[in-house]
N, C-alpha and C. Protein backbone atom coordinates (compact mmCIF):
# COMPACT_ATOMS: atom_id res chain seq x y z
N MET A 1 -99.19 252.79 163.57
CA MET A 1 -98.62 253.66 164.69
C MET A 1 -97.18 253.74 164.54
N SER A 2 -96.55 254.96 164.75
CA SER A 2 -95.36 255.21 164.55
C SER A 2 -94.81 254.97 166.10
N ASP A 3 -93.56 254.39 166.23
CA ASP A 3 -92.64 254.18 167.34
C ASP A 3 -91.97 255.39 167.91
N ALA A 4 -91.75 255.36 169.09
CA ALA A 4 -90.98 256.44 169.53
C ALA A 4 -89.70 256.69 168.60
N VAL A 5 -89.60 258.17 168.58
CA VAL A 5 -87.88 258.44 167.85
C VAL A 5 -87.07 258.06 168.91
N LYS A 6 -86.16 257.31 168.27
CA LYS A 6 -84.89 256.72 168.97
C LYS A 6 -83.65 257.86 168.85
N VAL A 7 -82.96 258.20 169.95
CA VAL A 7 -82.10 258.94 169.94
C VAL A 7 -80.75 258.47 170.60
N ASP A 8 -79.78 258.14 169.92
CA ASP A 8 -78.57 257.92 170.77
C ASP A 8 -77.42 258.99 170.82
N VAL A 9 -76.88 259.00 172.10
CA VAL A 9 -76.25 260.06 172.27
C VAL A 9 -74.83 259.69 172.54
N TRP A 10 -73.93 260.14 172.05
CA TRP A 10 -72.42 259.80 172.37
C TRP A 10 -72.02 261.06 173.50
N SER A 11 -71.40 260.98 174.47
CA SER A 11 -70.97 262.16 175.38
C SER A 11 -70.33 261.75 176.51
N ASP A 12 -69.61 262.58 177.21
CA ASP A 12 -68.64 262.35 178.49
C ASP A 12 -69.15 262.88 179.43
N VAL A 13 -68.77 262.49 180.64
CA VAL A 13 -69.25 262.94 181.99
C VAL A 13 -68.58 264.20 182.24
N GLN A 14 -67.37 264.40 181.71
CA GLN A 14 -66.86 265.86 182.22
C GLN A 14 -66.83 266.84 180.86
N CYS A 15 -67.71 266.58 180.09
CA CYS A 15 -67.82 267.60 178.94
C CYS A 15 -68.99 268.80 179.10
N PRO A 16 -68.65 269.62 179.27
CA PRO A 16 -69.54 271.01 179.45
C PRO A 16 -70.64 270.84 178.50
N TRP A 17 -70.26 270.99 177.16
CA TRP A 17 -70.98 271.08 176.11
C TRP A 17 -71.99 269.81 176.01
N CYS A 18 -71.82 268.75 176.68
CA CYS A 18 -72.42 267.70 176.85
C CYS A 18 -73.79 267.90 177.82
N TYR A 19 -73.37 268.34 179.02
CA TYR A 19 -74.62 268.88 179.83
C TYR A 19 -75.38 270.11 179.30
N ILE A 20 -74.56 271.02 178.72
CA ILE A 20 -75.48 272.07 177.98
C ILE A 20 -76.39 271.46 177.00
N GLY A 21 -75.73 270.65 176.02
CA GLY A 21 -76.68 270.14 175.11
C GLY A 21 -77.55 269.10 175.54
N LYS A 22 -77.56 268.53 176.69
CA LYS A 22 -78.70 267.66 177.23
C LYS A 22 -79.73 268.47 177.52
N ARG A 23 -79.45 269.56 178.29
CA ARG A 23 -80.68 270.52 178.57
C ARG A 23 -81.20 271.11 177.24
N LYS A 24 -80.62 271.45 176.23
CA LYS A 24 -81.22 271.96 175.03
C LYS A 24 -81.81 270.87 174.32
N PHE A 25 -81.51 269.71 174.27
CA PHE A 25 -81.90 268.69 173.51
C PHE A 25 -83.38 268.39 174.46
N GLU A 26 -83.39 268.23 175.70
CA GLU A 26 -84.75 268.18 176.38
C GLU A 26 -85.65 269.25 176.01
N ASP A 27 -85.00 270.50 175.91
CA ASP A 27 -86.00 271.49 175.74
C ASP A 27 -86.59 271.27 174.27
N GLY A 28 -85.82 270.81 173.39
CA GLY A 28 -86.04 270.49 171.74
C GLY A 28 -87.18 269.35 171.85
N ALA A 29 -86.91 268.52 172.47
CA ALA A 29 -87.76 267.30 172.60
C ALA A 29 -89.05 267.83 173.21
N ALA A 30 -89.25 268.49 174.14
CA ALA A 30 -90.48 268.97 174.72
C ALA A 30 -91.22 269.70 173.61
N GLN A 31 -90.53 270.48 172.54
CA GLN A 31 -91.42 271.40 171.61
C GLN A 31 -91.59 270.41 170.86
N PHE A 32 -91.08 269.35 170.61
CA PHE A 32 -91.31 268.55 169.59
C PHE A 32 -92.65 267.67 169.85
N GLY A 33 -92.69 267.39 171.27
CA GLY A 33 -93.83 266.85 171.99
C GLY A 33 -94.37 265.38 171.63
N GLY A 34 -93.57 264.65 170.87
CA GLY A 34 -93.74 263.22 170.45
C GLY A 34 -92.95 262.34 171.41
N ASP A 35 -93.32 261.05 171.27
CA ASP A 35 -92.33 260.19 172.38
C ASP A 35 -91.07 259.95 171.61
N VAL A 36 -90.25 260.24 172.74
CA VAL A 36 -88.40 259.97 172.25
C VAL A 36 -88.02 259.23 173.22
N GLU A 37 -87.12 258.10 172.58
CA GLU A 37 -86.39 257.27 173.28
C GLU A 37 -84.93 257.74 173.24
N VAL A 38 -84.40 258.03 174.57
CA VAL A 38 -82.96 258.58 174.61
C VAL A 38 -82.11 257.35 175.27
N GLU A 39 -81.04 256.86 174.62
CA GLU A 39 -80.04 256.02 175.02
C GLU A 39 -78.52 256.69 174.84
N TYR A 40 -77.79 256.76 176.10
CA TYR A 40 -76.70 257.40 176.17
C TYR A 40 -75.59 256.41 175.90
N HIS A 41 -74.41 256.72 175.26
CA HIS A 41 -73.19 255.91 174.81
C HIS A 41 -72.05 256.69 175.11
N SER A 42 -71.05 255.69 175.52
CA SER A 42 -69.68 256.19 176.19
C SER A 42 -68.90 257.04 175.19
N PHE A 43 -68.03 257.88 175.56
CA PHE A 43 -66.97 258.65 174.66
C PHE A 43 -66.06 259.33 175.65
N GLU A 44 -64.97 258.73 175.46
CA GLU A 44 -63.89 259.27 176.41
C GLU A 44 -63.05 260.62 175.89
N LEU A 45 -63.12 261.78 176.30
CA LEU A 45 -62.61 262.95 175.69
C LEU A 45 -60.96 262.81 176.14
N ALA A 46 -60.88 262.35 177.24
CA ALA A 46 -59.29 262.54 177.48
C ALA A 46 -59.05 261.16 178.44
N PRO A 47 -59.00 259.99 177.53
CA PRO A 47 -58.76 258.68 178.38
C PRO A 47 -57.45 258.24 179.15
N ASP A 48 -56.52 259.53 178.60
CA ASP A 48 -55.35 259.39 179.50
C ASP A 48 -55.07 260.30 180.61
N THR A 49 -56.25 260.56 180.91
CA THR A 49 -56.28 261.46 182.20
C THR A 49 -56.17 260.60 183.61
N PRO A 50 -55.38 260.74 184.50
CA PRO A 50 -55.28 259.95 185.66
C PRO A 50 -56.56 260.12 186.58
N VAL A 51 -56.87 259.21 187.39
CA VAL A 51 -58.08 259.39 188.14
C VAL A 51 -58.07 260.30 189.30
N ASP A 52 -56.64 260.47 189.63
CA ASP A 52 -56.66 261.42 190.45
C ASP A 52 -55.57 262.62 190.46
N TYR A 53 -56.24 263.65 189.33
CA TYR A 53 -55.29 264.47 188.56
C TYR A 53 -55.06 265.41 189.68
N GLU A 54 -53.57 265.95 189.57
CA GLU A 54 -53.12 266.94 190.84
C GLU A 54 -53.46 268.41 190.21
N GLY A 55 -54.29 268.84 190.46
CA GLY A 55 -54.54 270.39 189.72
C GLY A 55 -56.03 270.40 189.61
N THR A 56 -56.23 271.79 189.26
CA THR A 56 -57.35 272.11 189.13
C THR A 56 -57.84 272.07 187.54
N ALA A 57 -59.09 272.34 187.24
CA ALA A 57 -59.81 272.28 185.83
C ALA A 57 -58.84 273.19 185.01
N LEU A 58 -58.90 274.26 185.68
CA LEU A 58 -58.04 275.75 185.00
C LEU A 58 -56.57 274.86 184.55
N ASP A 59 -55.98 274.40 185.49
CA ASP A 59 -54.60 273.84 185.22
C ASP A 59 -54.78 272.87 184.04
N TYR A 60 -55.47 271.95 184.00
CA TYR A 60 -55.74 270.86 183.18
C TYR A 60 -55.86 271.40 181.83
N LEU A 61 -56.76 272.21 181.58
CA LEU A 61 -57.22 272.66 180.20
C LEU A 61 -55.91 273.61 179.88
N SER A 62 -55.29 274.11 180.63
CA SER A 62 -54.10 274.98 180.11
C SER A 62 -52.95 274.19 179.72
N GLU A 63 -52.70 273.06 180.53
CA GLU A 63 -51.68 272.01 180.27
C GLU A 63 -52.01 271.54 178.79
N ARG A 64 -53.29 270.89 178.76
CA ARG A 64 -53.83 269.98 177.69
C ARG A 64 -53.81 270.94 176.32
N LYS A 65 -54.29 271.86 176.54
CA LYS A 65 -54.60 272.61 175.17
C LYS A 65 -53.38 273.91 174.93
N GLY A 66 -52.39 273.90 175.68
CA GLY A 66 -51.42 274.71 175.63
C GLY A 66 -51.61 276.19 175.32
N MET A 67 -52.68 276.55 176.17
CA MET A 67 -53.40 277.96 176.26
C MET A 67 -52.72 278.45 177.43
N PRO A 68 -52.75 279.96 177.49
CA PRO A 68 -52.37 280.76 178.64
C PRO A 68 -53.83 280.49 179.76
N VAL A 69 -53.25 280.83 181.00
CA VAL A 69 -54.26 280.75 181.74
C VAL A 69 -55.36 281.54 181.72
N ALA A 70 -55.06 282.81 181.49
CA ALA A 70 -55.99 283.84 180.95
C ALA A 70 -57.01 283.66 180.20
N GLN A 71 -56.38 282.78 179.13
CA GLN A 71 -57.29 282.60 178.07
C GLN A 71 -58.16 281.43 178.32
N VAL A 72 -57.78 280.63 179.34
CA VAL A 72 -58.62 279.37 179.71
C VAL A 72 -59.74 280.09 180.63
N GLU A 73 -59.39 280.90 181.47
CA GLU A 73 -60.33 281.68 182.41
C GLU A 73 -61.34 282.26 181.66
N GLN A 74 -61.09 282.80 180.47
CA GLN A 74 -61.99 283.26 179.61
C GLN A 74 -62.84 282.58 178.87
N MET A 75 -62.58 281.37 178.65
CA MET A 75 -63.04 280.26 178.19
C MET A 75 -64.15 279.71 179.14
N LEU A 76 -63.72 279.45 180.26
CA LEU A 76 -64.50 278.94 181.31
C LEU A 76 -65.60 279.63 181.75
N GLU A 77 -65.43 280.92 181.85
CA GLU A 77 -66.56 282.09 181.93
C GLU A 77 -67.53 282.18 181.12
N ARG A 78 -67.09 282.01 179.81
CA ARG A 78 -67.92 281.85 178.58
C ARG A 78 -69.00 280.69 178.94
N VAL A 79 -68.47 279.48 179.10
CA VAL A 79 -69.10 278.13 179.22
C VAL A 79 -69.90 278.20 180.47
N THR A 80 -69.73 278.77 181.57
CA THR A 80 -70.43 278.96 182.66
C THR A 80 -71.41 279.90 182.52
N GLY A 81 -71.37 280.85 181.72
CA GLY A 81 -72.46 281.81 181.35
C GLY A 81 -73.57 281.16 180.47
N ILE A 82 -73.30 280.51 179.58
CA ILE A 82 -73.97 279.57 178.71
C ILE A 82 -74.65 278.97 179.30
N ALA A 83 -73.89 277.79 180.28
CA ALA A 83 -74.74 276.89 181.29
C ALA A 83 -75.74 277.60 181.94
N SER A 84 -75.47 278.89 182.66
CA SER A 84 -76.33 279.24 183.37
C SER A 84 -77.62 279.64 182.58
N SER A 85 -77.57 280.02 181.28
CA SER A 85 -78.65 280.42 180.38
C SER A 85 -79.62 279.24 180.23
N VAL A 86 -79.28 277.91 180.50
CA VAL A 86 -80.01 276.86 180.60
C VAL A 86 -80.39 276.40 181.86
N GLY A 87 -80.08 277.01 182.69
CA GLY A 87 -80.43 276.63 184.26
C GLY A 87 -79.45 275.87 184.99
N LEU A 88 -78.03 275.59 184.49
CA LEU A 88 -77.00 274.92 184.85
C LEU A 88 -75.94 275.92 185.82
N ASP A 89 -75.69 275.46 187.12
CA ASP A 89 -74.68 276.48 187.81
C ASP A 89 -73.38 275.87 188.04
N PHE A 90 -72.55 275.89 186.85
CA PHE A 90 -71.30 275.27 186.89
C PHE A 90 -70.35 275.65 187.81
N ASP A 91 -69.51 275.22 188.50
CA ASP A 91 -68.62 275.43 189.55
C ASP A 91 -67.28 274.82 189.29
N TYR A 92 -66.58 275.64 188.22
CA TYR A 92 -65.24 275.10 187.99
C TYR A 92 -64.05 275.22 188.92
N GLU A 93 -64.34 276.05 189.74
CA GLU A 93 -63.44 275.96 190.95
C GLU A 93 -63.35 274.97 191.90
N HIS A 94 -64.47 274.12 191.82
CA HIS A 94 -64.23 272.90 192.39
C HIS A 94 -64.36 271.52 191.88
N VAL A 95 -64.04 271.56 190.42
CA VAL A 95 -64.31 270.55 189.40
C VAL A 95 -63.13 269.41 189.87
N HIS A 96 -63.26 268.29 190.03
CA HIS A 96 -62.20 267.21 189.97
C HIS A 96 -62.15 266.55 188.63
N GLN A 97 -60.95 267.24 187.96
CA GLN A 97 -60.73 266.58 186.75
C GLN A 97 -60.39 265.02 186.87
N THR A 98 -60.83 264.09 186.07
CA THR A 98 -60.55 262.89 186.37
C THR A 98 -60.48 261.86 185.20
N ASN A 99 -60.21 260.75 185.38
CA ASN A 99 -60.42 259.59 184.15
C ASN A 99 -61.87 259.24 184.25
N THR A 100 -62.67 259.06 183.32
CA THR A 100 -64.31 259.13 183.22
C THR A 100 -64.69 257.55 182.66
N VAL A 101 -63.59 256.76 182.74
CA VAL A 101 -63.97 255.34 182.18
C VAL A 101 -65.04 254.77 183.14
N LYS A 102 -64.66 254.47 184.72
CA LYS A 102 -65.73 254.01 185.45
C LYS A 102 -67.03 254.62 185.40
N ALA A 103 -66.92 255.89 185.30
CA ALA A 103 -68.28 256.54 185.44
C ALA A 103 -69.22 256.10 184.04
N HIS A 104 -68.15 255.75 182.89
CA HIS A 104 -69.16 255.47 181.75
C HIS A 104 -69.49 253.82 182.20
N GLU A 105 -68.68 253.03 182.81
CA GLU A 105 -69.17 251.71 183.16
C GLU A 105 -70.37 251.67 184.15
N LEU A 106 -70.44 252.85 184.73
CA LEU A 106 -71.79 252.80 185.77
C LEU A 106 -72.66 253.07 185.12
N ILE A 107 -72.68 254.00 184.06
CA ILE A 107 -73.96 254.28 183.22
C ILE A 107 -74.61 252.99 182.60
N HIS A 108 -73.36 252.21 182.21
CA HIS A 108 -73.79 250.87 181.59
C HIS A 108 -74.51 250.17 182.56
N LEU A 109 -74.08 250.16 183.63
CA LEU A 109 -74.70 249.27 184.60
C LEU A 109 -76.25 249.66 185.15
N ALA A 110 -76.26 251.18 185.06
CA ALA A 110 -77.44 251.67 185.02
C ALA A 110 -78.54 251.34 184.14
N LYS A 111 -78.02 251.22 182.99
CA LYS A 111 -78.81 251.15 181.82
C LYS A 111 -79.51 249.59 181.90
N SER A 112 -78.59 248.74 182.57
CA SER A 112 -79.12 247.30 182.64
C SER A 112 -80.32 247.39 183.83
N LYS A 113 -80.22 248.21 184.71
CA LYS A 113 -81.28 248.48 185.68
C LYS A 113 -82.40 249.23 185.25
N GLY A 114 -82.39 249.61 183.98
CA GLY A 114 -83.57 250.81 183.51
C GLY A 114 -83.17 252.12 184.31
N ARG A 115 -82.12 252.49 184.55
CA ARG A 115 -81.67 253.84 185.10
C ARG A 115 -80.80 254.69 184.65
N GLN A 116 -80.58 254.38 183.27
CA GLN A 116 -79.44 254.99 182.71
C GLN A 116 -79.83 256.62 182.63
N LEU A 117 -80.69 257.15 182.47
CA LEU A 117 -81.16 258.52 182.27
C LEU A 117 -80.99 259.29 183.95
N ASP A 118 -81.25 258.59 184.65
CA ASP A 118 -81.02 259.27 185.97
C ASP A 118 -79.75 259.15 186.43
N MET A 119 -78.89 258.06 186.02
CA MET A 119 -77.60 257.97 186.59
C MET A 119 -76.68 258.97 185.59
N LYS A 120 -77.07 259.24 184.40
CA LYS A 120 -76.24 260.21 183.68
C LYS A 120 -76.54 261.58 184.19
N GLU A 121 -77.74 261.94 184.56
CA GLU A 121 -78.00 263.25 184.81
C GLU A 121 -77.40 263.43 186.38
N ARG A 122 -77.27 262.32 187.33
CA ARG A 122 -76.54 262.60 188.58
C ARG A 122 -75.01 262.78 188.50
N LEU A 123 -74.36 262.17 187.41
CA LEU A 123 -73.23 262.22 187.38
C LEU A 123 -72.60 263.69 186.73
N LEU A 124 -73.47 263.98 185.90
CA LEU A 124 -73.04 265.26 185.28
C LEU A 124 -73.33 266.47 186.40
N LYS A 125 -74.53 266.35 187.24
CA LYS A 125 -74.58 267.56 188.08
C LYS A 125 -73.48 267.23 189.22
N ALA A 126 -73.19 266.07 189.54
CA ALA A 126 -72.25 265.82 190.31
C ALA A 126 -70.69 266.57 190.07
N TYR A 127 -70.30 266.22 189.02
CA TYR A 127 -69.38 266.93 188.42
C TYR A 127 -69.06 268.06 188.14
N PHE A 128 -70.23 269.07 187.60
CA PHE A 128 -70.11 270.37 187.26
C PHE A 128 -70.66 271.15 188.09
N VAL A 129 -71.51 270.81 188.95
CA VAL A 129 -72.20 271.57 190.06
C VAL A 129 -71.77 271.51 191.38
N GLU A 130 -71.60 270.10 191.72
CA GLU A 130 -71.68 269.91 193.20
C GLU A 130 -69.95 269.77 193.73
N GLY A 131 -68.99 269.55 192.56
CA GLY A 131 -67.72 269.40 192.67
C GLY A 131 -67.33 268.09 193.35
N ARG A 132 -68.33 266.94 193.16
CA ARG A 132 -67.78 265.53 193.35
C ARG A 132 -66.96 264.79 192.58
N HIS A 133 -66.30 263.97 193.09
CA HIS A 133 -65.41 263.13 192.28
C HIS A 133 -66.11 261.94 191.56
N VAL A 134 -65.87 261.81 190.30
CA VAL A 134 -66.65 260.79 189.42
C VAL A 134 -65.68 259.87 188.71
N GLY A 135 -64.31 259.81 189.47
CA GLY A 135 -63.65 258.85 188.69
C GLY A 135 -63.24 257.41 189.70
N ARG A 136 -63.39 257.70 191.16
CA ARG A 136 -63.15 256.75 192.00
C ARG A 136 -64.35 255.91 192.11
N ILE A 137 -64.14 254.56 192.68
CA ILE A 137 -65.09 253.33 192.64
C ILE A 137 -66.10 253.90 193.95
N ASP A 138 -65.40 254.14 194.85
CA ASP A 138 -66.37 254.32 196.02
C ASP A 138 -67.25 255.62 196.09
N ASP A 139 -66.83 256.63 195.33
CA ASP A 139 -67.60 257.73 195.17
C ASP A 139 -68.60 257.56 194.17
N LEU A 140 -68.29 256.86 192.92
CA LEU A 140 -69.33 256.40 192.10
C LEU A 140 -70.34 255.45 192.64
N ALA A 141 -70.17 254.69 193.42
CA ALA A 141 -70.84 254.00 194.06
C ALA A 141 -71.87 254.74 194.98
N ASP A 142 -71.31 255.71 195.65
CA ASP A 142 -72.14 256.72 196.59
C ASP A 142 -73.08 257.16 195.81
N LEU A 143 -72.93 257.74 194.51
CA LEU A 143 -73.80 258.51 193.78
C LEU A 143 -74.95 257.64 193.04
N ALA A 144 -74.41 256.33 192.91
CA ALA A 144 -75.37 255.34 192.34
C ALA A 144 -76.55 254.91 193.36
N ALA A 145 -76.06 254.83 194.76
CA ALA A 145 -76.77 254.53 195.83
C ALA A 145 -77.81 255.70 196.06
N GLU A 146 -77.51 256.89 195.81
CA GLU A 146 -78.23 258.04 195.82
C GLU A 146 -79.57 257.93 194.80
N ILE A 147 -79.35 257.27 193.57
CA ILE A 147 -80.32 256.91 192.83
C ILE A 147 -81.08 255.73 193.22
N GLY A 148 -80.60 254.78 194.21
CA GLY A 148 -81.28 253.93 194.46
C GLY A 148 -80.71 252.53 194.01
N LEU A 149 -79.59 252.42 193.37
CA LEU A 149 -78.94 251.16 193.12
C LEU A 149 -78.29 250.77 194.33
N ASP A 150 -77.95 249.49 194.12
CA ASP A 150 -77.34 248.53 195.34
C ASP A 150 -75.78 249.01 195.27
N ARG A 151 -75.38 249.82 196.35
CA ARG A 151 -74.10 250.07 196.21
C ARG A 151 -73.01 249.09 196.43
N ALA A 152 -73.40 248.07 197.01
CA ALA A 152 -72.25 246.87 197.23
C ALA A 152 -72.26 246.16 195.55
N GLU A 153 -73.44 246.11 194.91
CA GLU A 153 -73.30 245.47 193.68
C GLU A 153 -72.77 246.33 192.60
N VAL A 154 -72.75 247.56 192.78
CA VAL A 154 -71.97 248.60 192.08
C VAL A 154 -70.68 248.52 192.22
N VAL A 155 -69.94 248.53 193.33
CA VAL A 155 -68.55 248.33 193.75
C VAL A 155 -68.25 247.03 193.21
N THR A 156 -68.90 245.83 193.22
CA THR A 156 -68.40 244.75 192.76
C THR A 156 -68.34 244.70 191.04
N ALA A 157 -69.10 245.41 190.45
CA ALA A 157 -69.24 245.65 189.13
C ALA A 157 -68.06 246.38 188.53
N LEU A 158 -67.86 247.43 189.27
CA LEU A 158 -67.00 248.47 189.02
C LEU A 158 -65.47 247.88 189.03
N GLU A 159 -65.38 247.13 190.19
CA GLU A 159 -64.01 246.43 190.44
C GLU A 159 -63.75 245.44 189.51
N ALA A 160 -64.65 244.70 189.05
CA ALA A 160 -64.60 243.50 188.18
C ALA A 160 -64.83 244.03 186.73
N GLU A 161 -64.93 245.18 186.37
CA GLU A 161 -65.14 245.75 184.84
C GLU A 161 -65.85 244.94 184.27
N THR A 162 -67.22 244.69 184.86
CA THR A 162 -68.12 244.27 184.08
C THR A 162 -68.60 244.72 182.96
N PHE A 163 -68.56 245.89 182.79
CA PHE A 163 -69.21 246.66 181.65
C PHE A 163 -68.11 247.26 180.96
N LEU A 164 -67.01 247.19 181.11
CA LEU A 164 -65.89 247.66 180.44
C LEU A 164 -66.04 247.48 178.77
N ALA A 165 -66.29 246.24 178.41
CA ALA A 165 -66.65 245.92 176.94
C ALA A 165 -67.53 246.84 176.51
N ASP A 166 -68.63 247.06 177.41
CA ASP A 166 -69.81 248.07 176.53
C ASP A 166 -69.27 249.26 176.36
N VAL A 167 -68.59 249.87 177.19
CA VAL A 167 -67.90 251.11 177.03
C VAL A 167 -66.95 250.95 175.77
N LYS A 168 -66.14 249.99 175.79
CA LYS A 168 -65.17 250.10 174.42
C LYS A 168 -66.12 249.93 173.40
N ALA A 169 -67.17 249.22 173.21
CA ALA A 169 -68.17 249.09 172.00
C ALA A 169 -68.69 250.26 171.50
N ASP A 170 -68.88 251.11 172.58
CA ASP A 170 -69.65 252.62 172.36
C ASP A 170 -68.61 253.36 171.78
N VAL A 171 -67.23 253.38 172.30
CA VAL A 171 -66.24 253.95 171.75
C VAL A 171 -65.86 253.55 170.47
N ALA A 172 -65.96 252.35 170.15
CA ALA A 172 -65.73 251.69 168.84
C ALA A 172 -66.70 252.25 167.70
N GLN A 173 -67.86 252.18 168.22
CA GLN A 173 -68.92 252.62 167.23
C GLN A 173 -68.86 254.43 167.06
N ALA A 174 -68.64 255.01 168.00
CA ALA A 174 -68.26 256.26 167.64
C ALA A 174 -67.28 256.37 166.60
N ALA A 175 -66.25 255.76 166.81
CA ALA A 175 -65.10 255.87 165.75
C ALA A 175 -65.43 255.49 164.30
N ALA A 176 -66.45 254.43 164.21
CA ALA A 176 -67.07 253.96 162.86
C ALA A 176 -67.78 254.89 162.43
N TYR A 177 -68.66 255.76 163.23
CA TYR A 177 -69.55 256.66 162.62
C TYR A 177 -68.60 257.98 162.21
N GLY A 178 -67.57 258.03 162.83
CA GLY A 178 -66.51 259.32 162.41
C GLY A 178 -66.64 260.36 163.55
N ILE A 179 -67.46 259.97 164.54
CA ILE A 179 -67.35 261.17 165.65
C ILE A 179 -65.88 261.32 166.36
N GLN A 180 -65.70 262.71 166.17
CA GLN A 180 -64.65 263.08 166.81
C GLN A 180 -64.89 264.17 168.01
N GLY A 181 -66.21 264.58 168.34
CA GLY A 181 -66.35 265.52 169.46
C GLY A 181 -67.91 265.12 169.85
N VAL A 182 -67.75 265.70 171.02
CA VAL A 182 -69.20 265.37 171.75
C VAL A 182 -70.01 266.56 172.42
N PRO A 183 -71.13 266.66 172.38
CA PRO A 183 -71.80 265.71 172.19
C PRO A 183 -72.29 265.45 170.88
N PHE A 184 -73.00 264.37 170.52
CA PHE A 184 -73.18 263.74 169.06
C PHE A 184 -74.51 262.94 169.30
N PHE A 185 -75.43 263.49 168.58
CA PHE A 185 -76.87 262.66 168.52
C PHE A 185 -77.12 262.24 167.25
N VAL A 186 -77.49 260.95 167.25
CA VAL A 186 -77.92 260.13 166.02
C VAL A 186 -79.49 260.04 166.32
N ILE A 187 -80.15 260.81 165.17
CA ILE A 187 -81.61 260.66 165.57
C ILE A 187 -82.33 259.70 164.30
N ASP A 188 -83.04 258.56 165.23
CA ASP A 188 -83.66 257.68 164.33
C ASP A 188 -82.50 256.62 163.37
N GLY A 189 -81.31 256.82 163.83
CA GLY A 189 -80.35 255.96 163.15
C GLY A 189 -79.88 256.67 161.55
N LYS A 190 -80.46 257.73 161.42
CA LYS A 190 -80.25 258.62 160.08
C LYS A 190 -79.47 259.65 160.20
N TYR A 191 -80.15 260.72 161.13
CA TYR A 191 -79.43 262.08 161.14
C TYR A 191 -78.58 262.26 162.40
N GLY A 192 -77.38 262.60 161.96
CA GLY A 192 -76.37 262.95 162.88
C GLY A 192 -76.45 264.57 163.20
N VAL A 193 -76.62 264.90 164.68
CA VAL A 193 -76.54 266.42 164.95
C VAL A 193 -75.17 266.49 166.00
N SER A 194 -74.33 267.35 165.56
CA SER A 194 -73.37 267.52 166.25
C SER A 194 -73.33 268.87 167.41
N GLY A 195 -72.86 268.74 168.61
CA GLY A 195 -72.95 269.93 169.42
C GLY A 195 -74.25 270.16 170.04
N ALA A 196 -73.90 271.24 171.10
CA ALA A 196 -75.22 271.56 171.66
C ALA A 196 -75.93 272.72 170.82
N GLN A 197 -76.75 272.16 170.13
CA GLN A 197 -77.49 272.96 169.39
C GLN A 197 -78.85 273.74 169.82
N GLU A 198 -79.34 274.50 169.25
CA GLU A 198 -80.57 275.33 170.04
C GLU A 198 -81.62 274.38 170.03
N PRO A 199 -82.62 274.55 170.91
CA PRO A 199 -83.42 273.59 171.09
C PRO A 199 -84.61 273.52 169.83
N ALA A 200 -84.76 274.46 168.94
CA ALA A 200 -85.55 274.30 167.85
C ALA A 200 -85.06 273.46 166.88
N ALA A 201 -83.52 273.36 166.68
CA ALA A 201 -82.73 272.60 165.76
C ALA A 201 -83.23 271.00 166.18
N PHE A 202 -83.34 270.84 167.42
CA PHE A 202 -83.55 269.43 167.95
C PHE A 202 -85.20 269.13 167.59
N ALA A 203 -85.75 270.05 167.84
CA ALA A 203 -87.20 269.87 167.60
C ALA A 203 -87.40 269.61 165.86
N GLU A 204 -86.74 270.33 165.37
CA GLU A 204 -87.06 270.06 163.92
C GLU A 204 -86.51 268.62 163.11
N VAL A 205 -85.38 268.36 163.75
CA VAL A 205 -85.09 266.98 163.04
C VAL A 205 -85.90 265.89 163.85
N LEU A 206 -86.27 266.08 164.82
CA LEU A 206 -87.24 264.99 165.52
C LEU A 206 -88.70 265.01 164.73
N ARG A 207 -89.07 266.16 164.40
CA ARG A 207 -90.14 266.24 163.56
C ARG A 207 -90.24 265.33 162.18
N GLN A 208 -88.82 265.90 161.77
CA GLN A 208 -88.26 265.28 160.36
C GLN A 208 -88.43 263.75 160.56
N ALA A 209 -87.95 263.10 161.52
CA ALA A 209 -87.70 261.57 161.52
C ALA A 209 -89.16 261.14 161.97
N ARG A 210 -90.07 261.82 162.84
CA ARG A 210 -91.15 261.31 162.95
C ARG A 210 -92.05 261.27 161.52
N ALA A 211 -92.04 262.53 160.73
CA ALA A 211 -92.82 262.59 159.68
C ALA A 211 -92.33 261.41 158.66
N GLU A 212 -91.00 261.01 158.64
CA GLU A 212 -90.70 259.69 157.87
C GLU A 212 -91.02 258.57 158.45
N GLN A 213 -91.22 258.47 159.80
CA GLN A 213 -91.85 257.17 160.26
C GLN A 213 -93.37 256.87 159.75
N ASP A 214 -93.68 258.01 159.80
CA ASP A 214 -95.47 258.06 159.64
C ASP A 214 -95.61 257.68 158.13
N GLN A 215 -95.00 258.37 157.24
CA GLN A 215 -94.85 257.98 155.87
C GLN A 215 -94.61 256.62 155.69
N ALA A 216 -93.43 255.93 156.23
CA ALA A 216 -93.30 254.67 156.01
C ALA A 216 -94.42 253.75 156.53
N TYR A 217 -94.99 254.19 157.74
CA TYR A 217 -95.98 253.20 158.17
C TYR A 217 -97.05 253.26 157.26
N ALA A 218 -97.30 254.30 156.70
CA ALA A 218 -98.62 254.80 155.72
C ALA A 218 -98.55 253.90 154.68
N GLU A 219 -97.34 253.82 154.04
CA GLU A 219 -96.94 253.06 152.96
C GLU A 219 -96.92 251.54 153.00
N SER A 220 -96.82 251.20 154.37
CA SER A 220 -96.52 249.69 154.81
C SER A 220 -98.17 249.44 154.73
N THR A 221 -99.06 249.91 155.32
CA THR A 221 -100.37 249.61 155.44
C THR A 221 -100.97 249.75 154.11
N ALA A 222 -100.80 250.61 153.17
CA ALA A 222 -101.40 250.69 151.96
C ALA A 222 -101.26 249.72 151.09
N ARG A 223 -100.00 248.84 151.20
CA ARG A 223 -99.65 247.62 150.19
C ARG A 223 -100.81 246.64 150.28
């Protein structure tokens, strides 16, 4: 019997395409219909961002990309429209641009409790839809408590940087793979899929990985 197809995903909490890609991948996995095991890995798009950035997401993107405000507005409008097409209601007017390293530490903590997928979804929704702050320890602890994690334990772990080494290991692995942008999906340790592809593309690569698993299993039992 084949095992679940393992999917390793590198993404950042403040990456709009990561949230859109998450939805498209979930749709693709549903089309595939087989067992899929998903694990998220840390990637920091802007590790130099201050925790409390003074300004809007529009200001930040204009400054960072050196683009006119009007051009950034058009870009955000386009992204918001694509997000809406997959059921996500992005609210860029209330986004709090921030440093995401603590959010990544929290995702690793949640992973240690078997709640990584729940925590990842909660953070993305908090950031893009609800206008919540995902860079400060107290705010992160509140979000963790909402999915049932122990708030005090979260605060202690984030203050002690208990999971920082895990974040750095993910970032190092991304560099080793040559990953320069996210989302980036590694399917069954073999296939790299970059970006928020359409669901059918994800379904196809999952089927390919499953077919190769089945073939390897058949060959091993025939010996």
